[in-house]
Amino acid sequence: MRRVGALLVLATALLAAGCGTGGISKAGDTNQGKQLFLDKCAGCHTLADAGSHGNQGPNLDDAFAYSRKQGFKQVTIEQVVRDQIELAVPPMPQDLVKGADADAVAAYVAMVAGQPVAAKNTTNGKDIFTANCGSCHTLKDAGTHGNVGPNLDQLQPSFEIAQHQVINGGGAMPAFKDTLTAAQITAVAKYVSAVAGG
């Protein structure tokens, strides 16, 4: 009985969100999807597999963990993600990814969201930057082209400024003091201050 109730709640939520009107997802390339997710989505969404800690959009692990426990198939989750990309509602930007790229992101998220992963406690500044900052900031060395926050190659922040900004956030940037360790904050600040403008 609980399962039937859960299915009805999910079906109602999907219909209310307009799901099913964004087109059928066509099994995308999950490797490409991960790279696109890191480039375009990681700054706003938490997703353990990607090592991202964004908090402006939904935590995708939390969003799909219950659906997985209830037995929803990966293809169903993929379609929900694809529809949300297609029918983006602010603050999520419209047309962030389209066509085959949207299919790839949806396939990747559906494959990993809500799944247990080994803890990723990297202290590699470039990896931390790519997973948490690259979708908002441009930094040539990291291969990122975000345009929500400042272009760090132009700004060329010092270590102290980068560290302060990562800890405290500001403007549209969230504070990372509660999501990254002190060692990770130091690593990403050192990385940015060393390579920006290079």
Protein backbone atom coordinates (compact mmCIF):
# COMPACT_ATOMS: atom_id res chain seq x y z
CA MET A 1 0.00 0.00 0.00
CA ARG A 2 2.87 2.39 0.83
CA ARG A 3 4.44 1.67 -2.56
CA VAL A 4 1.19 2.51 -4.37
CA GLY A 5 0.96 5.75 -2.38
CA ALA A 6 4.57 6.61 -3.23
CA LEU A 7 3.94 5.93 -6.92
CA LEU A 8 0.90 8.18 -6.89
CA VAL A 9 2.85 10.98 -5.20
CA LEU A 10 5.68 10.68 -7.72
CA ALA A 11 3.30 10.54 -10.69
CA THR A 12 1.48 13.63 -9.42
CA ALA A 13 4.78 15.45 -8.89
CA LEU A 14 5.97 14.54 -12.38
CA LEU A 15 2.75 15.75 -13.96
CA ALA A 16 2.78 18.95 -11.91
CA ALA A 17 6.36 19.62 -13.01
CA GLY A 18 5.38 19.15 -16.65
CA CYS A 19 7.43 16.00 -17.02
CA GLY A 20 6.78 14.03 -20.13
CA THR A 21 6.58 17.13 -22.29
CA GLY A 22 10.31 17.72 -22.85
CA GLY A 23 10.88 14.96 -25.35
CA ILE A 24 12.07 11.40 -24.96
CA SER A 25 15.61 11.02 -23.65
CA LYS A 26 17.80 9.02 -26.00
CA ALA A 27 20.42 7.06 -24.04
CA GLY A 28 23.27 9.54 -23.96
CA ASP A 29 27.00 9.07 -23.54
CA THR A 30 27.56 9.02 -19.76
CA ASN A 31 31.26 9.93 -20.03
CA GLN A 32 30.40 13.01 -22.07
CA GLY A 33 27.52 13.65 -19.66
CA LYS A 34 29.86 13.72 -16.67
CA GLN A 35 32.15 16.24 -18.35
CA LEU A 36 29.19 18.41 -19.35
CA PHE A 37 27.78 18.14 -15.81
CA LEU A 38 31.11 19.30 -14.37
CA ASP A 39 31.29 22.18 -16.88
CA LYS A 40 27.68 23.35 -16.70
CA CYS A 41 25.89 22.00 -13.62
CA ALA A 42 28.27 21.17 -10.77
CA GLY A 43 28.43 24.71 -9.42
CA CYS A 44 24.72 24.61 -8.59
CA HIS A 45 24.04 20.94 -7.79
CA THR A 46 25.43 18.45 -5.29
CA LEU A 47 26.26 15.10 -6.86
CA ALA A 48 28.61 12.78 -4.99
CA ASP A 49 29.96 10.99 -8.07
CA ALA A 50 31.02 14.33 -9.58
CA GLY A 51 32.45 15.57 -6.29
CA SER A 52 30.27 18.68 -6.55
CA HIS A 53 28.78 20.58 -3.62
CA GLY A 54 26.59 23.23 -5.28
CA ASN A 55 23.66 24.41 -3.23
CA GLN A 56 21.70 26.70 -5.51
CA GLY A 57 19.89 23.85 -7.24
CA PRO A 58 18.60 20.59 -5.80
CA ASN A 59 20.97 18.06 -4.29
CA LEU A 60 20.58 15.38 -6.97
CA ASP A 61 21.64 12.53 -4.68
CA ASP A 62 18.92 13.45 -2.19
CA ALA A 63 16.40 14.06 -4.97
CA PHE A 64 16.72 10.55 -6.44
CA ALA A 65 17.77 8.35 -3.49
CA TYR A 66 14.17 7.77 -2.39
CA SER A 67 13.05 6.97 -5.95
CA ARG A 68 15.80 4.36 -6.21
CA LYS A 69 14.78 2.83 -2.87
CA GLN A 70 11.23 2.60 -4.17
CA GLY A 71 12.44 0.64 -7.19
CA PHE A 72 12.24 3.24 -9.93
CA LYS A 73 14.33 2.26 -12.92
CA GLN A 74 17.26 4.27 -14.20
CA VAL A 75 15.41 5.03 -17.45
CA THR A 76 12.62 6.71 -15.46
CA ILE A 77 15.09 8.87 -13.55
CA GLU A 78 16.84 9.70 -16.83
CA GLN A 79 13.57 10.92 -18.34
CA VAL A 80 12.79 13.06 -15.29
CA VAL A 81 16.24 14.67 -15.47
CA ARG A 82 15.94 15.21 -19.22
CA ASP A 83 12.56 16.88 -18.81
CA GLN A 84 13.88 19.17 -16.08
CA ILE A 85 16.74 20.22 -18.36
CA GLU A 86 14.35 20.84 -21.26
CA LEU A 87 11.78 22.67 -19.14
CA ALA A 88 14.20 24.61 -16.93
CA VAL A 89 12.64 27.03 -14.49
CA PRO A 90 14.74 29.89 -13.04
CA PRO A 91 17.13 30.04 -11.39
CA MET A 92 18.19 27.17 -13.70
CA PRO A 93 19.20 28.73 -17.03
CA GLN A 94 17.23 27.85 -20.15
CA ASP A 95 19.12 25.98 -22.88
CA LEU A 96 22.09 25.17 -20.64
CA VAL A 97 22.53 21.97 -22.63
CA LYS A 98 20.45 20.84 -25.60
CA GLY A 99 19.89 17.82 -27.81
CA ALA A 100 22.49 15.06 -27.51
CA ASP A 101 24.29 17.02 -24.77
CA ALA A 102 21.11 17.12 -22.66
CA ASP A 103 20.66 13.38 -23.28
CA ALA A 104 24.24 12.77 -22.12
CA VAL A 105 23.81 14.79 -18.91
CA ALA A 106 20.50 13.08 -18.17
CA ALA A 107 22.05 9.63 -18.72
CA TYR A 108 24.98 10.44 -16.44
CA VAL A 109 22.86 11.88 -13.63
CA ALA A 110 20.42 8.96 -13.85
CA MET A 111 23.29 6.48 -13.63
CA VAL A 112 24.90 7.98 -10.49
CA ALA A 113 22.41 10.15 -8.55
CA GLY A 114 21.43 8.64 -5.22
CA GLN A 115 23.90 5.79 -5.59
CA PRO A 116 26.45 5.13 -2.85
CA VAL A 117 29.99 6.18 -3.78
CA ALA A 118 33.32 5.99 -2.05
CA ALA A 119 34.12 9.22 -0.24
CA LYS A 120 35.96 11.70 -2.42
CA ASN A 121 38.15 13.75 -0.15
CA THR A 122 40.65 14.95 -2.72
CA THR A 123 43.03 17.76 -2.00
CA ASN A 124 43.92 18.28 -5.66
CA GLY A 125 43.11 21.95 -6.25
CA LYS A 126 42.33 21.50 -9.94
CA ASP A 127 39.89 18.63 -9.26
CA ILE A 128 38.19 20.61 -6.49
CA PHE A 129 37.92 23.66 -8.75
CA THR A 130 36.51 21.69 -11.68
CA ALA A 131 33.89 19.96 -9.52
CA ASN A 132 32.75 22.98 -7.53
CA CYS A 133 33.69 26.19 -9.32
CA GLY A 134 34.17 25.57 -13.03
CA SER A 135 30.54 25.85 -14.06
CA CYS A 136 30.52 29.45 -12.80
CA HIS A 137 34.09 30.63 -13.48
CA THR A 138 36.36 30.72 -16.49
CA LEU A 139 39.85 29.38 -15.80
CA LYS A 140 41.95 28.35 -18.79
CA ASP A 141 44.13 25.84 -16.91
CA ALA A 142 41.04 23.94 -15.71
CA GLY A 143 39.38 24.13 -19.15
CA THR A 144 36.29 25.82 -17.70
CA HIS A 145 34.19 28.53 -19.30
CA GLY A 146 31.61 29.53 -16.69
CA ASN A 147 30.25 33.05 -16.93
CA VAL A 148 28.16 33.42 -13.77
CA GLY A 149 31.11 34.54 -11.65
CA PRO A 150 34.20 36.52 -12.62
CA ASN A 151 36.70 35.27 -15.18
CA LEU A 152 39.54 34.23 -12.88
CA ASP A 153 42.15 34.52 -15.62
CA GLN A 154 41.31 38.22 -15.85
CA LEU A 155 40.86 38.74 -12.10
CA GLN A 156 44.05 36.87 -11.08
CA PRO A 157 43.21 36.75 -7.36
CA SER A 158 45.92 36.33 -4.74
CA PHE A 159 45.90 33.26 -2.52
CA GLU A 160 44.42 35.26 0.36
CA ILE A 161 41.59 36.70 -1.74
CA ALA A 162 40.78 33.33 -3.33
CA GLN A 163 40.80 31.61 0.07
CA HIS A 164 38.56 34.29 1.62
CA GLN A 165 36.08 34.04 -1.26
CA VAL A 166 35.93 30.23 -1.12
CA ILE A 167 35.36 30.29 2.64
CA ASN A 168 32.80 33.11 2.75
CA GLY A 169 31.27 33.29 -0.72
CA GLY A 170 29.67 36.53 -1.81
CA GLY A 171 27.25 37.76 -4.43
CA ALA A 172 25.89 34.68 -6.19
CA MET A 173 28.80 32.53 -4.96
CA PRO A 174 27.98 30.22 -2.06
CA ALA A 175 30.31 29.85 0.91
CA PHE A 176 32.16 26.53 0.90
CA LYS A 177 33.31 26.57 4.56
CA ASP A 178 30.70 23.93 5.43
CA THR A 179 31.17 21.70 2.36
CA LEU A 180 34.93 21.64 1.77
CA THR A 181 37.56 20.78 4.35
CA ALA A 182 40.18 23.34 5.38
CA ALA A 183 42.77 21.39 3.35
CA GLN A 184 40.50 21.44 0.27
CA ILE A 185 39.91 25.19 0.63
CA THR A 186 43.65 25.79 0.87
CA ALA A 187 44.29 23.52 -2.13
CA VAL A 188 41.76 25.21 -4.40
CA ALA A 189 42.87 28.72 -3.36
CA LYS A 190 46.53 27.81 -4.04
CA TYR A 191 45.57 26.33 -7.39
CA VAL A 192 43.56 29.34 -8.54
CA SER A 193 46.13 31.90 -7.40
CA ALA A 194 48.94 29.93 -9.08
CA VAL A 195 47.36 29.38 -12.50
CA ALA A 196 44.96 32.30 -13.05
CA GLY A 197 46.02 34.40 -16.00
CA GLY A 198 48.46 31.77 -17.23
